[in-house]
PDB file of N, CA and C in Angstrom:
ATOM      1  N   GLN A   1      16.555  -1.602  11.616  1.00  0.00           N
ATOM      2  CA  GLN A   1      15.663  -0.574  10.954  1.00  0.00           C
ATOM      3  C   GLN A   1      15.316  -1.085   9.553  1.00  0.00           C
ATOM      4  N   VAL A   2      14.216  -0.468   9.051  1.00  0.00           N
ATOM      5  CA  VAL A   2      13.685  -0.827   7.727  1.00  0.00           C
ATOM      6  C   VAL A   2      13.526   0.472   6.948  1.00  0.00           C
ATOM      7  N   GLN A   3      13.857   0.390   5.686  1.00  0.00           N
ATOM      8  CA  GLN A   3      13.624   1.507   4.774  1.00  0.00           C
ATOM      9  C   GLN A   3      12.625   1.047   3.726  1.00  0.00           C
ATOM     10  N   LEU A   4      11.713   1.930   3.412  1.00  0.00           N
ATOM     11  CA  LEU A   4      10.583   1.597   2.475  1.00  0.00           C
ATOM     12  C   LEU A   4      10.558   2.667   1.350  1.00  0.00           C
ATOM     13  N   VAL A   5      10.427   2.178   0.129  1.00  0.00           N
ATOM     14  CA  VAL A   5      10.329   3.113  -0.977  1.00  0.00           C
ATOM     15  C   VAL A   5       9.180   2.662  -1.846  1.00  0.00           C
ATOM     16  N   GLU A   6       8.239   3.595  -2.006  1.00  0.00           N
ATOM     17  CA  GLU A   6       7.040   3.336  -2.809  1.00  0.00           C
ATOM     18  C   GLU A   6       7.248   3.882  -4.231  1.00  0.00           C
ATOM     19  N   SER A   7       6.514   3.287  -5.161  1.00  0.00           N
ATOM     20  CA  SER A   7       6.500   3.760  -6.562  1.00  0.00           C
ATOM     21  C   SER A   7       5.246   3.296  -7.205  1.00  0.00           C
ATOM     22  N   GLY A   8       4.952   3.900  -8.367  1.00  0.00           N
ATOM     23  CA  GLY A   8       3.783   3.431  -9.176  1.00  0.00           C
ATOM     24  C   GLY A   8       2.576   4.348  -9.191  1.00  0.00           C
ATOM     25  N   GLY A   9       2.653   5.421  -8.415  1.00  0.00           N
ATOM     26  CA  GLY A   9       1.528   6.341  -8.392  1.00  0.00           C
ATOM     27  C   GLY A   9       1.456   7.130  -9.662  1.00  0.00           C
ATOM     28  N   GLY A  10       0.348   7.856  -9.813  1.00  0.00           N
ATOM     29  CA  GLY A  10       0.196   8.704 -11.018  1.00  0.00           C
ATOM     30  C   GLY A  10      -1.232   9.119 -11.222  1.00  0.00           C
ATOM     31  N   LEU A  11      -1.511   9.629 -12.382  1.00  0.00           N
ATOM     32  CA  LEU A  11      -2.872  10.075 -12.740  1.00  0.00           C
ATOM     33  C   LEU A  11      -3.513   8.992 -13.565  1.00  0.00           C
ATOM     34  N   VAL A  12      -4.760   8.632 -13.240  1.00  0.00           N
ATOM     35  CA  VAL A  12      -5.501   7.640 -13.924  1.00  0.00           C
ATOM     36  C   VAL A  12      -6.959   8.057 -13.985  1.00  0.00           C
ATOM     37  N   GLN A  13      -7.615   7.660 -15.044  1.00  0.00           N
ATOM     38  CA  GLN A  13      -9.041   7.968 -15.212  1.00  0.00           C
ATOM     39  C   GLN A  13      -9.892   7.036 -14.351  1.00  0.00           C
ATOM     40  N   PRO A  14     -11.084   7.492 -13.998  1.00  0.00           N
ATOM     41  CA  PRO A  14     -11.984   6.604 -13.259  1.00  0.00           C
ATOM     42  C   PRO A  14     -12.198   5.307 -13.985  1.00  0.00           C
ATOM     43  N   GLY A  15     -12.197   4.208 -13.292  1.00  0.00           N
ATOM     44  CA  GLY A  15     -12.337   2.878 -13.905  1.00  0.00           C
ATOM     45  C   GLY A  15     -11.017   2.268 -14.292  1.00  0.00           C
ATOM     46  N   GLY A  16      -9.934   3.048 -14.237  1.00  0.00           N
ATOM     47  CA  GLY A  16      -8.632   2.528 -14.626  1.00  0.00           C
ATOM     48  C   GLY A  16      -7.921   1.765 -13.516  1.00  0.00           C
ATOM     49  N   SER A  17      -6.714   1.379 -13.794  1.00  0.00           N
ATOM     50  CA  SER A  17      -5.927   0.526 -12.842  1.00  0.00           C
ATOM     51  C   SER A  17      -4.536   1.104 -12.689  1.00  0.00           C
ATOM     52  N   LEU A  18      -3.967   0.805 -11.517  1.00  0.00           N
ATOM     53  CA  LEU A  18      -2.574   1.156 -11.230  1.00  0.00           C
ATOM     54  C   LEU A  18      -2.010   0.034 -10.347  1.00  0.00           C
ATOM     55  N   ARG A  19      -0.726  -0.149 -10.362  1.00  0.00           N
ATOM     56  CA  ARG A  19      -0.104  -1.095  -9.453  1.00  0.00           C
ATOM     57  C   ARG A  19       1.005  -0.325  -8.687  1.00  0.00           C
ATOM     58  N   LEU A  20       0.876  -0.311  -7.404  1.00  0.00           N
ATOM     59  CA  LEU A  20       1.857   0.319  -6.537  1.00  0.00           C
ATOM     60  C   LEU A  20       2.870  -0.747  -6.060  1.00  0.00           C
ATOM     61  N   THR A  21       4.106  -0.305  -5.912  1.00  0.00           N
ATOM     62  CA  THR A  21       5.186  -1.204  -5.451  1.00  0.00           C
ATOM     63  C   THR A  21       5.854  -0.620  -4.249  1.00  0.00           C
ATOM     64  N   CYS A  22       6.134  -1.455  -3.272  1.00  0.00           N
ATOM     65  CA  CYS A  22       6.885  -1.036  -2.052  1.00  0.00           C
ATOM     66  C   CYS A  22       8.095  -1.955  -1.919  1.00  0.00           C
ATOM     67  N   VAL A  23       9.264  -1.336  -1.973  1.00  0.00           N
ATOM     68  CA  VAL A  23      10.498  -2.134  -1.788  1.00  0.00           C
ATOM     69  C   VAL A  23      11.067  -1.857  -0.385  1.00  0.00           C
ATOM     70  N   ALA A  24      11.247  -2.915   0.350  1.00  0.00           N
ATOM     71  CA  ALA A  24      11.790  -2.841   1.729  1.00  0.00           C
ATOM     72  C   ALA A  24      13.280  -3.254   1.747  1.00  0.00           C
ATOM     73  N   SER A  25      14.032  -2.579   2.576  1.00  0.00           N
ATOM     74  CA  SER A  25      15.428  -2.935   2.763  1.00  0.00           C
ATOM     75  C   SER A  25      15.755  -2.777   4.254  1.00  0.00           C
ATOM     76  N   GLY A  26      16.859  -3.419   4.658  1.00  0.00           N
ATOM     77  CA  GLY A  26      17.236  -3.405   6.059  1.00  0.00           C
ATOM     78  C   GLY A  26      16.845  -4.685   6.746  1.00  0.00           C
ATOM     79  N   SER A  27      16.269  -4.577   7.922  1.00  0.00           N
ATOM     80  CA  SER A  27      15.913  -5.766   8.749  1.00  0.00           C
ATOM     81  C   SER A  27      14.587  -6.389   8.255  1.00  0.00           C
ATOM     82  N   ILE A  28      14.509  -6.794   7.035  1.00  0.00           N
ATOM     83  CA  ILE A  28      13.244  -7.213   6.458  1.00  0.00           C
ATOM     84  C   ILE A  28      12.749  -8.500   7.089  1.00  0.00           C
ATOM     85  N   PHE A  29      13.558  -9.356   7.608  1.00  0.00           N
ATOM     86  CA  PHE A  29      13.105 -10.613   8.138  1.00  0.00           C
ATOM     87  C   PHE A  29      12.465 -10.443   9.496  1.00  0.00           C
ATOM     88  N   SER A  30      12.528  -9.246  10.110  1.00  0.00           N
ATOM     89  CA  SER A  30      11.853  -8.928  11.348  1.00  0.00           C
ATOM     90  C   SER A  30      10.470  -8.324  11.146  1.00  0.00           C
ATOM     91  N   ILE A  31      10.062  -8.178   9.891  1.00  0.00           N
ATOM     92  CA  ILE A  31       8.747  -7.576   9.606  1.00  0.00           C
ATOM     93  C   ILE A  31       7.670  -8.634   9.793  1.00  0.00           C
ATOM     94  N   ASN A  32       6.635  -8.268  10.527  1.00  0.00           N
ATOM     95  CA  ASN A  32       5.514  -9.154  10.732  1.00  0.00           C
ATOM     96  C   ASN A  32       4.337  -8.887   9.750  1.00  0.00           C
ATOM     97  N   VAL A  33       4.096  -7.650   9.520  1.00  0.00           N
ATOM     98  CA  VAL A  33       3.007  -7.283   8.624  1.00  0.00           C
ATOM     99  C   VAL A  33       3.453  -6.107   7.749  1.00  0.00           C
ATOM    100  N   MET A  34       3.127  -6.217   6.485  1.00  0.00           N
ATOM    101  CA  MET A  34       3.327  -5.118   5.547  1.00  0.00           C
ATOM    102  C   MET A  34       1.908  -4.597   5.173  1.00  0.00           C
ATOM    103  N   GLY A  35       1.892  -3.281   4.954  1.00  0.00           N
ATOM    104  CA  GLY A  35       0.567  -2.740   4.604  1.00  0.00           C
ATOM    105  C   GLY A  35       0.647  -1.491   3.787  1.00  0.00           C
ATOM    106  N   TRP A  36      -0.493  -1.202   3.225  1.00  0.00           N
ATOM    107  CA  TRP A  36      -0.699   0.076   2.464  1.00  0.00           C
ATOM    108  C   TRP A  36      -1.752   0.900   3.183  1.00  0.00           C
ATOM    109  N   TYR A  37      -1.433   2.157   3.339  1.00  0.00           N
ATOM    110  CA  TYR A  37      -2.351   3.122   3.958  1.00  0.00           C
ATOM    111  C   TYR A  37      -2.484   4.283   2.982  1.00  0.00           C
ATOM    112  N   ARG A  38      -3.494   5.096   3.156  1.00  0.00           N
ATOM    113  CA  ARG A  38      -3.625   6.280   2.267  1.00  0.00           C
ATOM    114  C   ARG A  38      -4.149   7.455   3.104  1.00  0.00           C
ATOM    115  N   GLN A  39      -3.854   8.617   2.567  1.00  0.00           N
ATOM    116  CA  GLN A  39      -4.258   9.853   3.239  1.00  0.00           C
ATOM    117  C   GLN A  39      -4.753  10.818   2.122  1.00  0.00           C
ATOM    118  N   ALA A  40      -6.033  11.083   2.135  1.00  0.00           N
ATOM    119  CA  ALA A  40      -6.603  12.055   1.205  1.00  0.00           C
ATOM    120  C   ALA A  40      -6.472  13.491   1.782  1.00  0.00           C
ATOM    121  N   PRO A  41      -6.506  14.504   0.953  1.00  0.00           N
ATOM    122  CA  PRO A  41      -6.443  15.860   1.459  1.00  0.00           C
ATOM    123  C   PRO A  41      -7.481  16.128   2.507  1.00  0.00           C
ATOM    124  N   GLY A  42      -7.046  16.687   3.659  1.00  0.00           N
ATOM    125  CA  GLY A  42      -7.955  17.056   4.714  1.00  0.00           C
ATOM    126  C   GLY A  42      -8.518  15.881   5.528  1.00  0.00           C
ATOM    127  N   LYS A  43      -8.002  14.673   5.283  1.00  0.00           N
ATOM    128  CA  LYS A  43      -8.523  13.477   5.988  1.00  0.00           C
ATOM    129  C   LYS A  43      -7.357  12.801   6.719  1.00  0.00           C
ATOM    130  N   GLN A  44      -7.753  11.955   7.660  1.00  0.00           N
ATOM    131  CA  GLN A  44      -6.769  11.151   8.395  1.00  0.00           C
ATOM    132  C   GLN A  44      -6.244   9.982   7.549  1.00  0.00           C
ATOM    133  N   ARG A  45      -5.097   9.548   7.863  1.00  0.00           N
ATOM    134  CA  ARG A  45      -4.523   8.366   7.198  1.00  0.00           C
ATOM    135  C   ARG A  45      -5.386   7.158   7.571  1.00  0.00           C
ATOM    136  N   GLU A  46      -5.670   6.302   6.552  1.00  0.00           N
ATOM    137  CA  GLU A  46      -6.519   5.154   6.803  1.00  0.00           C
ATOM    138  C   GLU A  46      -5.869   3.919   6.180  1.00  0.00           C
ATOM    139  N   LEU A  47      -6.244   2.779   6.776  1.00  0.00           N
ATOM    140  CA  LEU A  47      -5.743   1.486   6.296  1.00  0.00           C
ATOM    141  C   LEU A  47      -6.421   1.164   4.956  1.00  0.00           C
ATOM    142  N   VAL A  48      -5.585   0.667   4.017  1.00  0.00           N
ATOM    143  CA  VAL A  48      -6.103   0.185   2.765  1.00  0.00           C
ATOM    144  C   VAL A  48      -6.054  -1.339   2.737  1.00  0.00           C
ATOM    145  N   ALA A  49      -4.902  -1.918   2.979  1.00  0.00           N
ATOM    146  CA  ALA A  49      -4.720  -3.381   3.001  1.00  0.00           C
ATOM    147  C   ALA A  49      -3.449  -3.752   3.736  1.00  0.00           C
ATOM    148  N   THR A  50      -3.470  -4.911   4.313  1.00  0.00           N
ATOM    149  CA  THR A  50      -2.293  -5.482   4.961  1.00  0.00           C
ATOM    150  C   THR A  50      -2.099  -6.944   4.543  1.00  0.00           C
ATOM    151  N   ILE A  51      -0.863  -7.389   4.710  1.00  0.00           N
ATOM    152  CA  ILE A  51      -0.538  -8.783   4.451  1.00  0.00           C
ATOM    153  C   ILE A  51       0.482  -9.232   5.491  1.00  0.00           C
ATOM    154  N   THR A  52       0.215 -10.390   6.099  1.00  0.00           N
ATOM    155  CA  THR A  52       1.138 -10.863   7.126  1.00  0.00           C
ATOM    156  C   THR A  52       2.304 -11.636   6.464  1.00  0.00           C
ATOM    157  N   SER A  53       3.266 -11.947   7.296  1.00  0.00           N
ATOM    158  CA  SER A  53       4.416 -12.737   6.802  1.00  0.00           C
ATOM    159  C   SER A  53       3.939 -14.135   6.319  1.00  0.00           C
ATOM    160  N   GLY A  54       2.827 -14.584   6.821  1.00  0.00           N
ATOM    161  CA  GLY A  54       2.261 -15.869   6.383  1.00  0.00           C
ATOM    162  C   GLY A  54       1.404 -15.766   5.153  1.00  0.00           C
ATOM    163  N   GLY A  55       1.179 -14.546   4.687  1.00  0.00           N
ATOM    164  CA  GLY A  55       0.408 -14.344   3.458  1.00  0.00           C
ATOM    165  C   GLY A  55      -1.078 -14.070   3.659  1.00  0.00           C
ATOM    166  N   SER A  56      -1.531 -13.834   4.889  1.00  0.00           N
ATOM    167  CA  SER A  56      -2.963 -13.507   5.098  1.00  0.00           C
ATOM    168  C   SER A  56      -3.183 -12.012   4.813  1.00  0.00           C
ATOM    169  N   ALA A  57      -4.153 -11.738   4.013  1.00  0.00           N
ATOM    170  CA  ALA A  57      -4.496 -10.345   3.582  1.00  0.00           C
ATOM    171  C   ALA A  57      -5.751  -9.854   4.276  1.00  0.00           C
ATOM    172  N   ASN A  58      -5.749  -8.540   4.475  1.00  0.00           N
ATOM    173  CA  ASN A  58      -6.923  -7.877   5.087  1.00  0.00           C
ATOM    174  C   ASN A  58      -7.127  -6.581   4.311  1.00  0.00           C
ATOM    175  N   TYR A  59      -8.419  -6.242   4.079  1.00  0.00           N
ATOM    176  CA  TYR A  59      -8.720  -5.064   3.236  1.00  0.00           C
ATOM    177  C   TYR A  59      -9.748  -4.189   3.945  1.00  0.00           C
ATOM    178  N   ALA A  60      -9.650  -2.899   3.691  1.00  0.00           N
ATOM    179  CA  ALA A  60     -10.681  -1.967   4.086  1.00  0.00           C
ATOM    180  C   ALA A  60     -11.923  -2.294   3.226  1.00  0.00           C
ATOM    181  N   ASP A  61     -13.065  -2.079   3.809  1.00  0.00           N
ATOM    182  CA  ASP A  61     -14.334  -2.361   3.119  1.00  0.00           C
ATOM    183  C   ASP A  61     -14.430  -1.608   1.788  1.00  0.00           C
ATOM    184  N   SER A  62     -13.909  -0.379   1.803  1.00  0.00           N
ATOM    185  CA  SER A  62     -14.068   0.480   0.629  1.00  0.00           C
ATOM    186  C   SER A  62     -13.271  -0.017  -0.569  1.00  0.00           C
ATOM    187  N   VAL A  63     -12.328  -0.935  -0.362  1.00  0.00           N
ATOM    188  CA  VAL A  63     -11.500  -1.391  -1.511  1.00  0.00           C
ATOM    189  C   VAL A  63     -11.671  -2.896  -1.793  1.00  0.00           C
ATOM    190  N   LYS A  64     -12.418  -3.603  -0.919  1.00  0.00           N
ATOM    191  CA  LYS A  64     -12.622  -5.033  -1.178  1.00  0.00           C
ATOM    192  C   LYS A  64     -13.166  -5.288  -2.541  1.00  0.00           C
ATOM    193  N   GLY A  65     -12.561  -6.277  -3.181  1.00  0.00           N
ATOM    194  CA  GLY A  65     -13.059  -6.680  -4.523  1.00  0.00           C
ATOM    195  C   GLY A  65     -12.417  -5.820  -5.646  1.00  0.00           C
ATOM    196  N   ARG A  66     -11.761  -4.769  -5.302  1.00  0.00           N
ATOM    197  CA  ARG A  66     -11.108  -3.885  -6.274  1.00  0.00           C
ATOM    198  C   ARG A  66      -9.572  -3.895  -6.176  1.00  0.00           C
ATOM    199  N   PHE A  67      -9.087  -3.968  -4.920  1.00  0.00           N
ATOM    200  CA  PHE A  67      -7.639  -3.921  -4.704  1.00  0.00           C
ATOM    201  C   PHE A  67      -7.150  -5.271  -4.231  1.00  0.00           C
ATOM    202  N   THR A  68      -5.896  -5.582  -4.624  1.00  0.00           N
ATOM    203  CA  THR A  68      -5.253  -6.799  -4.170  1.00  0.00           C
ATOM    204  C   THR A  68      -3.843  -6.510  -3.699  1.00  0.00           C
ATOM    205  N   ILE A  69      -3.549  -6.946  -2.444  1.00  0.00           N
ATOM    206  CA  ILE A  69      -2.229  -6.801  -1.939  1.00  0.00           C
ATOM    207  C   ILE A  69      -1.522  -8.156  -2.099  1.00  0.00           C
ATOM    208  N   SER A  70      -0.254  -8.120  -2.441  1.00  0.00           N
ATOM    209  CA  SER A  70       0.445  -9.380  -2.683  1.00  0.00           C
ATOM    210  C   SER A  70       1.986  -9.243  -2.364  1.00  0.00           C
ATOM    211  N   ARG A  71       2.512 -10.360  -2.037  1.00  0.00           N
ATOM    212  CA  ARG A  71       3.995 -10.428  -1.713  1.00  0.00           C
ATOM    213  C   ARG A  71       4.416 -11.851  -1.857  1.00  0.00           C
ATOM    214  N   ASP A  72       5.416 -12.157  -2.645  1.00  0.00           N
ATOM    215  CA  ASP A  72       5.886 -13.517  -2.835  1.00  0.00           C
ATOM    216  C   ASP A  72       6.602 -14.037  -1.608  1.00  0.00           C
ATOM    217  N   ASN A  73       7.525 -13.263  -1.055  1.00  0.00           N
ATOM    218  CA  ASN A  73       8.262 -13.619   0.137  1.00  0.00           C
ATOM    219  C   ASN A  73       8.907 -12.395   0.700  1.00  0.00           C
ATOM    220  N   ALA A  74       9.601 -12.528   1.852  1.00  0.00           N
ATOM    221  CA  ALA A  74      10.120 -11.412   2.567  1.00  0.00           C
ATOM    222  C   ALA A  74      11.151 -10.592   1.757  1.00  0.00           C
ATOM    223  N   LYS A  75      11.784 -11.238   0.789  1.00  0.00           N
ATOM    224  CA  LYS A  75      12.769 -10.545   0.011  1.00  0.00           C
ATOM    225  C   LYS A  75      12.205  -9.769  -1.154  1.00  0.00           C
ATOM    226  N   LYS A  76      10.939  -9.994  -1.455  1.00  0.00           N
ATOM    227  CA  LYS A  76      10.319  -9.436  -2.628  1.00  0.00           C
ATOM    228  C   LYS A  76       9.512  -8.187  -2.279  1.00  0.00           C
ATOM    229  N   PRO A  77       9.233  -7.323  -3.266  1.00  0.00           N
ATOM    230  CA  PRO A  77       8.397  -6.182  -3.003  1.00  0.00           C
ATOM    231  C   PRO A  77       6.976  -6.506  -2.601  1.00  0.00           C
ATOM    232  N   VAL A  78       6.300  -5.592  -2.008  1.00  0.00           N
ATOM    233  CA  VAL A  78       4.874  -5.699  -1.753  1.00  0.00           C
ATOM    234  C   VAL A  78       4.148  -4.883  -2.817  1.00  0.00           C
ATOM    235  N   TYR A  79       3.110  -5.468  -3.394  1.00  0.00           N
ATOM    236  CA  TYR A  79       2.398  -4.806  -4.463  1.00  0.00           C
ATOM    237  C   TYR A  79       0.959  -4.510  -3.995  1.00  0.00           C
ATOM    238  N   LEU A  80       0.424  -3.484  -4.550  1.00  0.00           N
ATOM    239  CA  LEU A  80      -1.021  -3.162  -4.389  1.00  0.00           C
ATOM    240  C   LEU A  80      -1.566  -2.937  -5.780  1.00  0.00           C
ATOM    241  N   GLN A  81      -2.305  -3.961  -6.263  1.00  0.00           N
ATOM    242  CA  GLN A  81      -2.987  -3.821  -7.564  1.00  0.00           C
ATOM    243  C   GLN A  81      -4.338  -3.164  -7.311  1.00  0.00           C
ATOM    244  N   MET A  82      -4.555  -2.075  -7.970  1.00  0.00           N
ATOM    245  CA  MET A  82      -5.762  -1.273  -7.782  1.00  0.00           C
ATOM    246  C   MET A  82      -6.551  -1.230  -9.078  1.00  0.00           C
ATOM    247  N   ASN A  83      -7.706  -1.807  -9.083  1.00  0.00           N
ATOM    248  CA  ASN A  83      -8.574  -1.815 -10.259  1.00  0.00           C
ATOM    249  C   ASN A  83      -9.858  -1.051 -10.007  1.00  0.00           C
ATOM    250  N   SER A  84     -10.571  -0.667 -11.053  1.00  0.00           N
ATOM    251  CA  SER A  84     -11.846   0.018 -10.970  1.00  0.00           C
ATOM    252  C   SER A  84     -11.705   1.219 -10.060  1.00  0.00           C
ATOM    253  N   LEU A  85     -10.666   2.014 -10.301  1.00  0.00           N
ATOM    254  CA  LEU A  85     -10.373   3.152  -9.436  1.00  0.00           C
ATOM    255  C   LEU A  85     -11.452   4.198  -9.534  1.00  0.00           C
ATOM    256  N   LYS A  86     -11.684   4.855  -8.403  1.00  0.00           N
ATOM    257  CA  LYS A  86     -12.722   5.905  -8.269  1.00  0.00           C
ATOM    258  C   LYS A  86     -12.029   7.220  -7.854  1.00  0.00           C
ATOM    259  N   PRO A  87     -12.682   8.343  -8.098  1.00  0.00           N
ATOM    260  CA  PRO A  87     -12.119   9.605  -7.603  1.00  0.00           C
ATOM    261  C   PRO A  87     -11.903   9.567  -6.103  1.00  0.00           C
ATOM    262  N   ALA A  88     -12.725   8.887  -5.343  1.00  0.00           N
ATOM    263  CA  ALA A  88     -12.567   8.751  -3.902  1.00  0.00           C
ATOM    264  C   ALA A  88     -11.279   8.064  -3.505  1.00  0.00           C
ATOM    265  N   ASP A  89     -10.626   7.369  -4.451  1.00  0.00           N
ATOM    266  CA  ASP A  89      -9.349   6.692  -4.135  1.00  0.00           C
ATOM    267  C   ASP A  89      -8.181   7.641  -4.237  1.00  0.00           C
ATOM    268  N   THR A  90      -8.409   8.873  -4.652  1.00  0.00           N
ATOM    269  CA  THR A  90      -7.345   9.850  -4.727  1.00  0.00           C
ATOM    270  C   THR A  90      -6.747  10.083  -3.378  1.00  0.00           C
ATOM    271  N   ALA A  91      -5.418   9.908  -3.268  1.00  0.00           N
ATOM    272  CA  ALA A  91      -4.749  10.089  -1.978  1.00  0.00           C
ATOM    273  C   ALA A  91      -3.246   9.840  -2.175  1.00  0.00           C
ATOM    274  N   VAL A  92      -2.500  10.144  -1.133  1.00  0.00           N
ATOM    275  CA  VAL A  92      -1.112   9.699  -1.084  1.00  0.00           C
ATOM    276  C   VAL A  92      -1.130   8.356  -0.409  1.00  0.00           C
ATOM    277  N   TYR A  93      -0.518   7.359  -1.051  1.00  0.00           N
ATOM    278  CA  TYR A  93      -0.486   6.001  -0.528  1.00  0.00           C
ATOM    279  C   TYR A  93       0.866   5.728   0.074  1.00  0.00           C
ATOM    280  N   TYR A  94       0.806   5.218   1.306  1.00  0.00           N
ATOM    281  CA  TYR A  94       2.024   4.971   2.094  1.00  0.00           C
ATOM    282  C   TYR A  94       2.217   3.468   2.319  1.00  0.00           C
ATOM    283  N   CYS A  95       3.413   3.020   2.254  1.00  0.00           N
ATOM    284  CA  CYS A  95       3.786   1.655   2.637  1.00  0.00           C
ATOM    285  C   CYS A  95       4.168   1.619   4.126  1.00  0.00           C
ATOM    286  N   ASN A  96       3.798   0.594   4.776  1.00  0.00           N
ATOM    287  CA  ASN A  96       4.092   0.452   6.202  1.00  0.00           C
ATOM    288  C   ASN A  96       4.644  -0.935   6.488  1.00  0.00           C
ATOM    289  N   ALA A  97       5.660  -0.974   7.382  1.00  0.00           N
ATOM    290  CA  ALA A  97       6.219  -2.253   7.839  1.00  0.00           C
ATOM    291  C   ALA A  97       6.076  -2.284   9.390  1.00  0.00           C
ATOM    292  N   GLN A  98       5.362  -3.326   9.817  1.00  0.00           N
ATOM    293  CA  GLN A  98       5.106  -3.418  11.293  1.00  0.00           C
ATOM    294  C   GLN A  98       5.946  -4.582  11.831  1.00  0.00           C
ATOM    295  N   MET A  99       6.760  -4.230  12.814  1.00  0.00           N
ATOM    296  CA  MET A  99       7.523  -5.239  13.545  1.00  0.00           C
ATOM    297  C   MET A  99       6.937  -5.413  14.904  1.00  0.00           C
ATOM    298  N   ILE A 100       7.572  -6.122  15.820  1.00  0.00           N
ATOM    299  CA  ILE A 100       6.959  -6.385  17.147  1.00  0.00           C
ATOM    300  C   ILE A 100       6.701  -5.070  17.866  1.00  0.00           C
ATOM    301  N   VAL A 101       7.659  -4.124  17.763  1.00  0.00           N
ATOM    302  CA  VAL A 101       7.483  -2.855  18.485  1.00  0.00           C
ATOM    303  C   VAL A 101       7.513  -1.709  17.459  1.00  0.00           C
ATOM    304  N   GLU A 102       8.491  -1.734  16.614  1.00  0.00           N
ATOM    305  CA  GLU A 102       8.646  -0.578  15.703  1.00  0.00           C
ATOM    306  C   GLU A 102       7.667  -0.671  14.521  1.00  0.00           C
ATOM    307  N   SER A 103       7.430   0.504  13.934  1.00  0.00           N
ATOM    308  CA  SER A 103       6.634   0.645  12.745  1.00  0.00           C
ATOM    309  C   SER A 103       7.328   1.654  11.869  1.00  0.00           C
ATOM    310  N   TYR A 104       7.463   1.305  10.577  1.00  0.00           N
ATOM    311  CA  TYR A 104       8.177   2.145   9.634  1.00  0.00           C
ATOM    312  C   TYR A 104       7.248   2.554   8.461  1.00  0.00           C
ATOM    313  N   TRP A 105       7.505   3.724   7.956  1.00  0.00           N
ATOM    314  CA  TRP A 105       6.759   4.284   6.873  1.00  0.00           C
ATOM    315  C   TRP A 105       7.616   4.768   5.699  1.00  0.00           C
ATOM    316  N   GLY A 106       7.081   4.580   4.487  1.00  0.00           N
ATOM    317  CA  GLY A 106       7.698   5.199   3.339  1.00  0.00           C
ATOM    318  C   GLY A 106       7.254   6.628   3.252  1.00  0.00           C
ATOM    319  N   LYS A 107       7.780   7.326   2.188  1.00  0.00           N
ATOM    320  CA  LYS A 107       7.446   8.696   2.006  1.00  0.00           C
ATOM    321  C   LYS A 107       6.138   8.901   1.219  1.00  0.00           C
ATOM    322  N   GLY A 108       5.655   7.847   0.625  1.00  0.00           N
ATOM    323  CA  GLY A 108       4.381   7.893  -0.050  1.00  0.00           C
ATOM    324  C   GLY A 108       4.470   8.178  -1.567  1.00  0.00           C
ATOM    325  N   THR A 109       3.416   7.764  -2.242  1.00  0.00           N
ATOM    326  CA  THR A 109       3.280   8.000  -3.686  1.00  0.00           C
ATOM    327  C   THR A 109       1.822   8.473  -3.951  1.00  0.00           C
ATOM    328  N   LEU A 110       1.727   9.495  -4.769  1.00  0.00           N
ATOM    329  CA  LEU A 110       0.421  10.123  -5.018  1.00  0.00           C
ATOM    330  C   LEU A 110      -0.328   9.406  -6.119  1.00  0.00           C
ATOM    331  N   VAL A 111      -1.577   9.097  -5.791  1.00  0.00           N
ATOM    332  CA  VAL A 111      -2.497   8.507  -6.761  1.00  0.00           C
ATOM    333  C   VAL A 111      -3.619   9.509  -6.996  1.00  0.00           C
ATOM    334  N   THR A 112      -3.844   9.914  -8.194  1.00  0.00           N
ATOM    335  CA  THR A 112      -4.898  10.852  -8.553  1.00  0.00           C
ATOM    336  C   THR A 112      -5.824  10.187  -9.578  1.00  0.00           C
ATOM    337  N   VAL A 113      -7.113  10.063  -9.202  1.00  0.00           N
ATOM    338  CA  VAL A 113      -8.101   9.506 -10.093  1.00  0.00           C
ATOM    339  C   VAL A 113      -9.011  10.608 -10.606  1.00  0.00           C
ATOM    340  N   SER A 114      -8.886  10.910 -11.822  1.00  0.00           N
ATOM    341  CA  SER A 114      -9.635  12.057 -12.363  1.00  0.00           C
ATOM    342  C   SER A 114      -9.769  11.936 -13.884  1.00  0.00           C
ATOM    343  N   SER A 115     -10.892  12.486 -14.382  1.00  0.00           N
ATOM    344  CA  SER A 115     -11.040  12.522 -15.833  1.00  0.00           C
ATOM    345  C   SER A 115     -10.592  13.831 -16.380  1.00  0.00           C
TER     346      SER A 115
END
């Protein structure tokens, strides 16, 4: 099993930046893909960015050029650097760990973009 803990959310003004952190523990060497997802009020959860164990990153079109997902190695946290934030980025952000069969989620961290 894998346990995930997110941190770094908060209130930020439009145009500002935040960095989210996801710390994984447990069977971390069985993780194939780590990712960030978000869920805004009244909307479905959506993919924000993923990164494979080999370091390949994938982004939703809505965040390309503004967000960066990174991870040094399997033992290190996964980060989501979010720049040029917009009110539309307001959501609860969840960390996900995808293994061959299982998928694990953190409890989420709230990001609010507002003036």
